[in-house]
Amino acid sequence: MPILALDRIKVGATAVSKTDAIRQAGQLLVKSGCVEPTYIDGMLAREETMSTYLGNGVAIPHGQYDNRTDIHQTGISVLQIPQGVEWEDGEKAYLVIGIAAFSDEHVGVLANLAEVIEDEEITNQLIHTTDPAFILSQLGKERTEEI
């Protein structure tokens, strides 16, 4: 199964808080069989100890080391919130990317993600698209070239 799939992408979402957004991103992982529901508690606990906000409107909530037993398979979810949700210090997150991984299988996708979100134009397109397939095409690929 791919690390990112259409059933783990939700466009046009709304969230009343950072906690709500994390729960929604986690629920996408639960519904697709990547994690147990208890993994979401780990995502929330992780956020309490260290912010997962990357900048440029993107946050990557993930569980803690102790939650690895709640993971069935590596996967990421994407919750697109066009209006944004307050994350920290006045910053808003528009793309909340939930991560569940028990090894480094997700590193290629994260490397691609880091590259994509550095490009403000692509990030803006990801924030405003109504097509989940566009998000999949931009974030679902793994970087394979050597640096």
N, C-alpha and C. Protein backbone atom coordinates (compact mmCIF):
# COMPACT_ATOMS: atom_id res chain seq x y z
N MET A 1 0.85 -1.19 0.00
CA MET A 1 0.00 0.00 0.00
C MET A 1 0.90 1.25 0.00
N PRO A 2 0.53 2.25 -0.79
CA PRO A 2 1.35 3.46 -0.83
C PRO A 2 1.28 4.24 0.49
N ILE A 3 2.30 5.05 0.72
CA ILE A 3 2.37 5.83 1.95
C ILE A 3 1.28 6.91 1.98
N LEU A 4 0.93 7.47 0.82
CA LEU A 4 -0.17 8.43 0.73
C LEU A 4 -1.14 7.93 -0.33
N ALA A 5 -2.43 7.96 -0.01
CA ALA A 5 -3.46 7.52 -0.93
C ALA A 5 -4.64 8.49 -0.86
N LEU A 6 -5.48 8.45 -1.88
CA LEU A 6 -6.62 9.38 -1.94
C LEU A 6 -7.53 9.29 -0.72
N ASP A 7 -7.67 8.09 -0.14
CA ASP A 7 -8.56 7.96 1.02
C ASP A 7 -7.98 8.57 2.29
N ARG A 8 -6.74 9.06 2.20
CA ARG A 8 -6.14 9.75 3.34
C ARG A 8 -5.93 11.23 3.07
N ILE A 9 -6.65 11.75 2.08
CA ILE A 9 -6.58 13.18 1.75
C ILE A 9 -7.98 13.76 1.86
N LYS A 10 -8.10 14.84 2.62
CA LYS A 10 -9.40 15.53 2.74
C LYS A 10 -9.19 17.00 2.39
N VAL A 11 -9.87 17.45 1.34
CA VAL A 11 -9.78 18.86 0.94
C VAL A 11 -11.00 19.61 1.46
N GLY A 12 -10.84 20.92 1.62
CA GLY A 12 -11.95 21.77 2.04
C GLY A 12 -12.42 21.54 3.46
N ALA A 13 -11.53 21.09 4.31
CA ALA A 13 -11.91 20.81 5.71
C ALA A 13 -11.96 22.11 6.51
N THR A 14 -12.61 22.04 7.65
CA THR A 14 -12.57 23.12 8.62
C THR A 14 -12.19 22.51 9.96
N ALA A 15 -11.53 23.29 10.78
CA ALA A 15 -11.15 22.84 12.11
C ALA A 15 -11.30 24.01 13.07
N VAL A 16 -11.84 23.74 14.24
CA VAL A 16 -12.06 24.81 15.22
C VAL A 16 -10.82 25.09 16.06
N SER A 17 -9.86 24.14 16.03
CA SER A 17 -8.64 24.30 16.83
C SER A 17 -7.55 23.39 16.28
N LYS A 18 -6.35 23.60 16.78
CA LYS A 18 -5.22 22.73 16.43
C LYS A 18 -5.54 21.29 16.84
N THR A 19 -6.11 21.11 18.03
CA THR A 19 -6.46 19.78 18.52
C THR A 19 -7.45 19.11 17.57
N ASP A 20 -8.45 19.85 17.13
CA ASP A 20 -9.45 19.33 16.19
C ASP A 20 -8.76 18.91 14.89
N ALA A 21 -7.87 19.72 14.38
CA ALA A 21 -7.17 19.42 13.13
C ALA A 21 -6.32 18.16 13.28
N ILE A 22 -5.62 18.02 14.40
CA ILE A 22 -4.81 16.83 14.63
C ILE A 22 -5.69 15.59 14.70
N ARG A 23 -6.83 15.71 15.40
CA ARG A 23 -7.75 14.57 15.49
C ARG A 23 -8.26 14.16 14.10
N GLN A 24 -8.59 15.15 13.26
CA GLN A 24 -9.08 14.84 11.92
C GLN A 24 -8.00 14.17 11.06
N ALA A 25 -6.78 14.69 11.12
CA ALA A 25 -5.68 14.08 10.36
C ALA A 25 -5.42 12.66 10.85
N GLY A 26 -5.49 12.47 12.17
CA GLY A 26 -5.31 11.14 12.74
C GLY A 26 -6.42 10.19 12.35
N GLN A 27 -7.64 10.70 12.30
CA GLN A 27 -8.79 9.87 11.94
C GLN A 27 -8.66 9.34 10.51
N LEU A 28 -8.08 10.13 9.62
CA LEU A 28 -7.85 9.67 8.24
C LEU A 28 -6.90 8.46 8.26
N LEU A 29 -5.92 8.48 9.15
CA LEU A 29 -4.99 7.35 9.29
C LEU A 29 -5.70 6.14 9.89
N VAL A 30 -6.59 6.38 10.85
CA VAL A 30 -7.34 5.29 11.48
C VAL A 30 -8.27 4.63 10.46
N LYS A 31 -9.05 5.44 9.74
CA LYS A 31 -10.04 4.90 8.80
C LYS A 31 -9.41 4.08 7.69
N SER A 32 -8.18 4.40 7.32
CA SER A 32 -7.53 3.67 6.24
C SER A 32 -6.72 2.47 6.76
N GLY A 33 -6.78 2.23 8.07
CA GLY A 33 -6.13 1.06 8.64
C GLY A 33 -4.66 1.21 8.97
N CYS A 34 -4.14 2.43 8.91
CA CYS A 34 -2.71 2.63 9.21
C CYS A 34 -2.42 2.53 10.71
N VAL A 35 -3.34 3.02 11.53
CA VAL A 35 -3.09 3.10 12.97
C VAL A 35 -4.34 2.74 13.78
N GLU A 36 -4.11 2.44 15.04
CA GLU A 36 -5.19 2.27 16.01
C GLU A 36 -5.67 3.66 16.44
N PRO A 37 -6.90 3.79 16.90
CA PRO A 37 -7.40 5.09 17.36
C PRO A 37 -6.53 5.70 18.47
N THR A 38 -5.89 4.88 19.29
CA THR A 38 -5.05 5.40 20.38
C THR A 38 -3.84 6.18 19.86
N TYR A 39 -3.48 5.98 18.60
CA TYR A 39 -2.35 6.71 18.02
C TYR A 39 -2.63 8.22 18.03
N ILE A 40 -3.89 8.58 17.88
CA ILE A 40 -4.26 10.01 17.86
C ILE A 40 -3.90 10.66 19.20
N ASP A 41 -4.09 9.94 20.30
CA ASP A 41 -3.71 10.48 21.61
C ASP A 41 -2.21 10.77 21.65
N GLY A 42 -1.43 9.89 21.03
CA GLY A 42 0.01 10.11 20.95
C GLY A 42 0.37 11.33 20.11
N MET A 43 -0.40 11.55 19.04
CA MET A 43 -0.17 12.75 18.21
C MET A 43 -0.42 14.01 19.03
N LEU A 44 -1.49 13.99 19.82
CA LEU A 44 -1.83 15.15 20.66
C LEU A 44 -0.78 15.35 21.76
N ALA A 45 -0.33 14.26 22.35
CA ALA A 45 0.69 14.35 23.40
C ALA A 45 2.00 14.90 22.83
N ARG A 46 2.36 14.46 21.65
CA ARG A 46 3.58 14.94 20.99
C ARG A 46 3.52 16.45 20.77
N GLU A 47 2.36 16.92 20.37
CA GLU A 47 2.18 18.36 20.11
C GLU A 47 2.34 19.17 21.39
N GLU A 48 1.98 18.57 22.52
CA GLU A 48 2.14 19.26 23.81
C GLU A 48 3.61 19.46 24.16
N THR A 49 4.46 18.52 23.75
CA THR A 49 5.87 18.61 24.11
C THR A 49 6.69 19.39 23.09
N MET A 50 6.26 19.38 21.84
CA MET A 50 7.01 20.08 20.80
C MET A 50 6.08 20.36 19.62
N SER A 51 6.05 21.59 19.16
CA SER A 51 5.20 21.95 18.04
C SER A 51 5.66 21.25 16.77
N THR A 52 4.70 20.82 15.99
CA THR A 52 5.00 20.18 14.72
C THR A 52 4.77 21.14 13.55
N TYR A 53 4.64 22.43 13.84
CA TYR A 53 4.45 23.42 12.78
C TYR A 53 5.78 23.64 12.07
N LEU A 54 5.79 23.45 10.75
CA LEU A 54 7.02 23.61 9.97
C LEU A 54 7.22 25.02 9.45
N GLY A 55 6.12 25.74 9.29
CA GLY A 55 6.18 27.04 8.63
C GLY A 55 5.49 26.96 7.29
N ASN A 56 5.34 28.11 6.65
CA ASN A 56 4.71 28.18 5.33
C ASN A 56 3.32 27.54 5.32
N GLY A 57 2.63 27.55 6.48
CA GLY A 57 1.27 27.05 6.55
C GLY A 57 1.14 25.54 6.68
N VAL A 58 2.24 24.85 7.03
CA VAL A 58 2.23 23.39 7.07
C VAL A 58 2.63 22.88 8.46
N ALA A 59 1.85 21.91 8.95
CA ALA A 59 2.18 21.22 10.21
C ALA A 59 2.21 19.72 9.94
N ILE A 60 3.07 19.02 10.68
CA ILE A 60 3.20 17.56 10.48
C ILE A 60 3.05 16.81 11.81
N PRO A 61 1.85 16.77 12.37
CA PRO A 61 1.67 16.06 13.63
C PRO A 61 1.93 14.56 13.46
N HIS A 62 2.56 13.99 14.48
CA HIS A 62 2.86 12.57 14.49
C HIS A 62 2.92 12.09 15.93
N GLY A 63 2.85 10.78 16.12
CA GLY A 63 2.87 10.22 17.46
C GLY A 63 4.25 10.22 18.08
N GLN A 64 4.28 9.76 19.31
CA GLN A 64 5.54 9.65 20.03
C GLN A 64 6.11 8.25 19.86
N TYR A 65 7.35 8.08 20.24
CA TYR A 65 8.02 6.79 20.12
C TYR A 65 7.20 5.68 20.78
N ASP A 66 6.60 5.99 21.92
CA ASP A 66 5.81 5.01 22.66
C ASP A 66 4.59 4.53 21.88
N ASN A 67 4.16 5.29 20.88
CA ASN A 67 2.96 4.94 20.12
C ASN A 67 3.24 4.04 18.91
N ARG A 68 4.47 3.64 18.71
CA ARG A 68 4.80 2.85 17.52
C ARG A 68 4.02 1.53 17.50
N THR A 69 3.61 1.01 18.67
CA THR A 69 2.84 -0.24 18.68
C THR A 69 1.41 -0.03 18.17
N ASP A 70 0.97 1.23 18.07
CA ASP A 70 -0.36 1.54 17.54
C ASP A 70 -0.37 1.61 16.02
N ILE A 71 0.80 1.49 15.39
CA ILE A 71 0.91 1.62 13.94
C ILE A 71 0.85 0.25 13.28
N HIS A 72 -0.04 0.12 12.28
CA HIS A 72 -0.15 -1.11 11.50
C HIS A 72 0.70 -1.03 10.23
N GLN A 73 0.74 0.16 9.65
CA GLN A 73 1.54 0.37 8.45
C GLN A 73 1.90 1.85 8.34
N THR A 74 3.02 2.11 7.72
CA THR A 74 3.46 3.49 7.52
C THR A 74 2.48 4.19 6.58
N GLY A 75 2.11 5.41 6.95
CA GLY A 75 1.21 6.18 6.09
C GLY A 75 1.21 7.64 6.50
N ILE A 76 0.82 8.48 5.56
CA ILE A 76 0.60 9.89 5.88
C ILE A 76 -0.79 10.28 5.42
N SER A 77 -1.35 11.27 6.11
CA SER A 77 -2.65 11.81 5.72
C SER A 77 -2.49 13.31 5.50
N VAL A 78 -3.36 13.86 4.68
CA VAL A 78 -3.32 15.29 4.42
C VAL A 78 -4.70 15.87 4.65
N LEU A 79 -4.77 16.81 5.59
CA LEU A 79 -5.99 17.56 5.88
C LEU A 79 -5.76 18.98 5.39
N GLN A 80 -6.49 19.35 4.34
CA GLN A 80 -6.35 20.69 3.78
C GLN A 80 -7.44 21.58 4.39
N ILE A 81 -7.01 22.68 5.01
CA ILE A 81 -7.93 23.61 5.67
C ILE A 81 -7.75 24.98 4.99
N PRO A 82 -8.52 25.27 3.94
CA PRO A 82 -8.31 26.51 3.18
C PRO A 82 -8.38 27.79 4.02
N GLN A 83 -9.20 27.80 5.06
CA GLN A 83 -9.29 28.99 5.92
C GLN A 83 -8.21 29.00 7.00
N GLY A 84 -7.51 27.89 7.14
CA GLY A 84 -6.45 27.78 8.14
C GLY A 84 -7.00 27.55 9.54
N VAL A 85 -6.10 27.12 10.40
CA VAL A 85 -6.42 26.94 11.81
C VAL A 85 -5.23 27.47 12.61
N GLU A 86 -5.52 28.20 13.66
CA GLU A 86 -4.46 28.75 14.52
C GLU A 86 -3.60 27.61 15.05
N TRP A 87 -2.30 27.69 14.83
CA TRP A 87 -1.42 26.62 15.30
C TRP A 87 -0.60 27.09 16.50
N GLU A 88 0.18 28.15 16.30
CA GLU A 88 0.99 28.65 17.41
C GLU A 88 1.42 30.07 17.11
N ASP A 89 1.50 30.88 18.13
CA ASP A 89 2.01 32.25 18.03
C ASP A 89 1.47 33.02 16.82
N GLY A 90 0.17 32.90 16.58
CA GLY A 90 -0.45 33.62 15.48
C GLY A 90 -0.27 32.99 14.12
N GLU A 91 0.47 31.89 14.05
CA GLU A 91 0.68 31.19 12.78
C GLU A 91 -0.52 30.29 12.50
N LYS A 92 -0.89 30.20 11.22
CA LYS A 92 -1.99 29.32 10.82
C LYS A 92 -1.45 28.17 9.99
N ALA A 93 -2.05 27.00 10.20
CA ALA A 93 -1.74 25.84 9.37
C ALA A 93 -2.89 25.65 8.38
N TYR A 94 -2.53 25.45 7.14
CA TYR A 94 -3.51 25.21 6.07
C TYR A 94 -3.42 23.78 5.57
N LEU A 95 -2.27 23.17 5.75
CA LEU A 95 -2.06 21.77 5.41
C LEU A 95 -1.56 21.06 6.67
N VAL A 96 -2.35 20.11 7.14
CA VAL A 96 -1.98 19.34 8.33
C VAL A 96 -1.71 17.92 7.84
N ILE A 97 -0.45 17.53 7.93
CA ILE A 97 -0.03 16.25 7.37
C ILE A 97 0.29 15.30 8.52
N GLY A 98 -0.63 14.36 8.74
CA GLY A 98 -0.45 13.38 9.81
C GLY A 98 0.52 12.30 9.36
N ILE A 99 1.42 11.91 10.25
CA ILE A 99 2.44 10.92 9.91
C ILE A 99 2.40 9.76 10.90
N ALA A 100 2.42 8.56 10.35
CA ALA A 100 2.56 7.34 11.15
C ALA A 100 3.63 6.50 10.48
N ALA A 101 4.69 6.22 11.21
CA ALA A 101 5.77 5.42 10.63
C ALA A 101 6.51 4.66 11.72
N PHE A 102 6.78 3.38 11.46
CA PHE A 102 7.59 2.66 12.42
C PHE A 102 9.02 2.48 11.99
N SER A 103 9.36 2.93 10.87
CA SER A 103 10.77 2.92 10.46
C SER A 103 10.99 4.17 9.63
N ASP A 104 11.96 4.14 8.77
CA ASP A 104 12.20 5.34 7.97
C ASP A 104 11.62 5.24 6.57
N GLU A 105 10.57 4.43 6.41
CA GLU A 105 9.92 4.27 5.11
C GLU A 105 9.37 5.59 4.57
N HIS A 106 9.05 6.50 5.46
CA HIS A 106 8.42 7.76 5.08
C HIS A 106 9.44 8.85 4.73
N VAL A 107 10.72 8.57 4.88
CA VAL A 107 11.74 9.61 4.71
C VAL A 107 11.74 10.21 3.31
N GLY A 108 11.58 9.37 2.29
CA GLY A 108 11.54 9.88 0.92
C GLY A 108 10.37 10.82 0.70
N VAL A 109 9.21 10.46 1.23
CA VAL A 109 8.04 11.33 1.10
C VAL A 109 8.27 12.63 1.85
N LEU A 110 8.85 12.55 3.05
CA LEU A 110 9.12 13.77 3.82
C LEU A 110 10.15 14.66 3.13
N ALA A 111 11.13 14.05 2.50
CA ALA A 111 12.12 14.83 1.76
C ALA A 111 11.44 15.57 0.62
N ASN A 112 10.53 14.89 -0.08
CA ASN A 112 9.78 15.53 -1.15
C ASN A 112 8.88 16.62 -0.59
N LEU A 113 8.24 16.34 0.53
CA LEU A 113 7.36 17.32 1.18
C LEU A 113 8.14 18.59 1.53
N ALA A 114 9.31 18.42 2.11
CA ALA A 114 10.12 19.59 2.47
C ALA A 114 10.45 20.42 1.23
N GLU A 115 10.76 19.74 0.15
CA GLU A 115 11.08 20.43 -1.09
C GLU A 115 9.86 21.18 -1.64
N VAL A 116 8.71 20.51 -1.61
CA VAL A 116 7.48 21.11 -2.14
C VAL A 116 7.07 22.33 -1.32
N ILE A 117 7.10 22.24 0.02
CA ILE A 117 6.62 23.36 0.82
C ILE A 117 7.56 24.55 0.81
N GLU A 118 8.79 24.34 0.37
CA GLU A 118 9.69 25.49 0.19
C GLU A 118 9.24 26.34 -0.99
N ASP A 119 8.51 25.74 -1.91
CA ASP A 119 8.01 26.45 -3.09
C ASP A 119 6.65 27.04 -2.74
N GLU A 120 6.62 28.35 -2.48
CA GLU A 120 5.38 29.00 -2.02
C GLU A 120 4.26 28.87 -3.04
N GLU A 121 4.59 28.87 -4.32
CA GLU A 121 3.56 28.76 -5.36
C GLU A 121 2.86 27.40 -5.30
N ILE A 122 3.65 26.33 -5.19
CA ILE A 122 3.05 25.00 -5.10
C ILE A 122 2.27 24.85 -3.80
N THR A 123 2.84 25.35 -2.70
CA THR A 123 2.14 25.27 -1.42
C THR A 123 0.80 25.99 -1.51
N ASN A 124 0.78 27.15 -2.14
CA ASN A 124 -0.47 27.89 -2.32
C ASN A 124 -1.48 27.08 -3.14
N GLN A 125 -1.00 26.41 -4.17
CA GLN A 125 -1.90 25.56 -4.97
C GLN A 125 -2.44 24.40 -4.13
N LEU A 126 -1.59 23.81 -3.30
CA LEU A 126 -2.03 22.71 -2.43
C LEU A 126 -3.08 23.18 -1.43
N ILE A 127 -2.93 24.40 -0.94
CA ILE A 127 -3.87 24.95 0.03
C ILE A 127 -5.24 25.23 -0.59
N HIS A 128 -5.27 25.57 -1.87
CA HIS A 128 -6.52 26.00 -2.50
C HIS A 128 -7.13 25.03 -3.49
N THR A 129 -6.45 23.94 -3.82
CA THR A 129 -7.02 23.00 -4.78
C THR A 129 -8.27 22.33 -4.21
N THR A 130 -9.15 21.94 -5.10
CA THR A 130 -10.32 21.16 -4.69
C THR A 130 -10.16 19.71 -5.16
N ASP A 131 -8.99 19.40 -5.70
CA ASP A 131 -8.74 18.09 -6.28
C ASP A 131 -7.74 17.29 -5.43
N PRO A 132 -8.20 16.29 -4.70
CA PRO A 132 -7.29 15.48 -3.89
C PRO A 132 -6.19 14.83 -4.73
N ALA A 133 -6.48 14.52 -5.99
CA ALA A 133 -5.48 13.90 -6.86
C ALA A 133 -4.28 14.82 -7.09
N PHE A 134 -4.52 16.14 -7.09
CA PHE A 134 -3.41 17.08 -7.24
C PHE A 134 -2.49 16.99 -6.01
N ILE A 135 -3.09 16.93 -4.83
CA ILE A 135 -2.30 16.80 -3.60
C ILE A 135 -1.51 15.50 -3.65
N LEU A 136 -2.15 14.41 -4.05
CA LEU A 136 -1.47 13.13 -4.16
C LEU A 136 -0.30 13.22 -5.14
N SER A 137 -0.51 13.89 -6.27
CA SER A 137 0.55 13.98 -7.28
C SER A 137 1.75 14.78 -6.78
N GLN A 138 1.51 15.75 -5.92
CA GLN A 138 2.60 16.59 -5.42
C GLN A 138 3.28 16.02 -4.18
N LEU A 139 2.51 15.42 -3.29
CA LEU A 139 3.07 14.97 -2.01
C LEU A 139 3.29 13.46 -1.92
N GLY A 140 2.70 12.71 -2.81
CA GLY A 140 2.78 11.26 -2.72
C GLY A 140 4.01 10.65 -3.34
N LYS A 141 4.74 11.43 -4.07
CA LYS A 141 5.92 10.85 -4.73
C LYS A 141 7.12 10.91 -3.81
N GLU A 142 8.00 9.96 -3.99
CA GLU A 142 9.23 9.92 -3.21
C GLU A 142 10.37 10.47 -4.04
N ARG A 143 11.22 11.22 -3.39
CA ARG A 143 12.44 11.71 -4.07
C ARG A 143 13.39 10.56 -4.21
N THR A 144 13.87 10.36 -5.41
CA THR A 144 14.80 9.25 -5.62
C THR A 144 16.15 9.74 -6.09
N GLU A 145 16.24 10.95 -6.59
CA GLU A 145 17.52 11.44 -7.09
C GLU A 145 18.48 11.70 -5.94
N GLU A 146 19.73 11.55 -6.21
CA GLU A 146 20.77 11.81 -5.22
C GLU A 146 21.07 13.30 -5.18
N ILE A 147 21.39 13.78 -4.01
CA ILE A 147 21.72 15.21 -3.87
C ILE A 147 23.22 15.37 -3.94
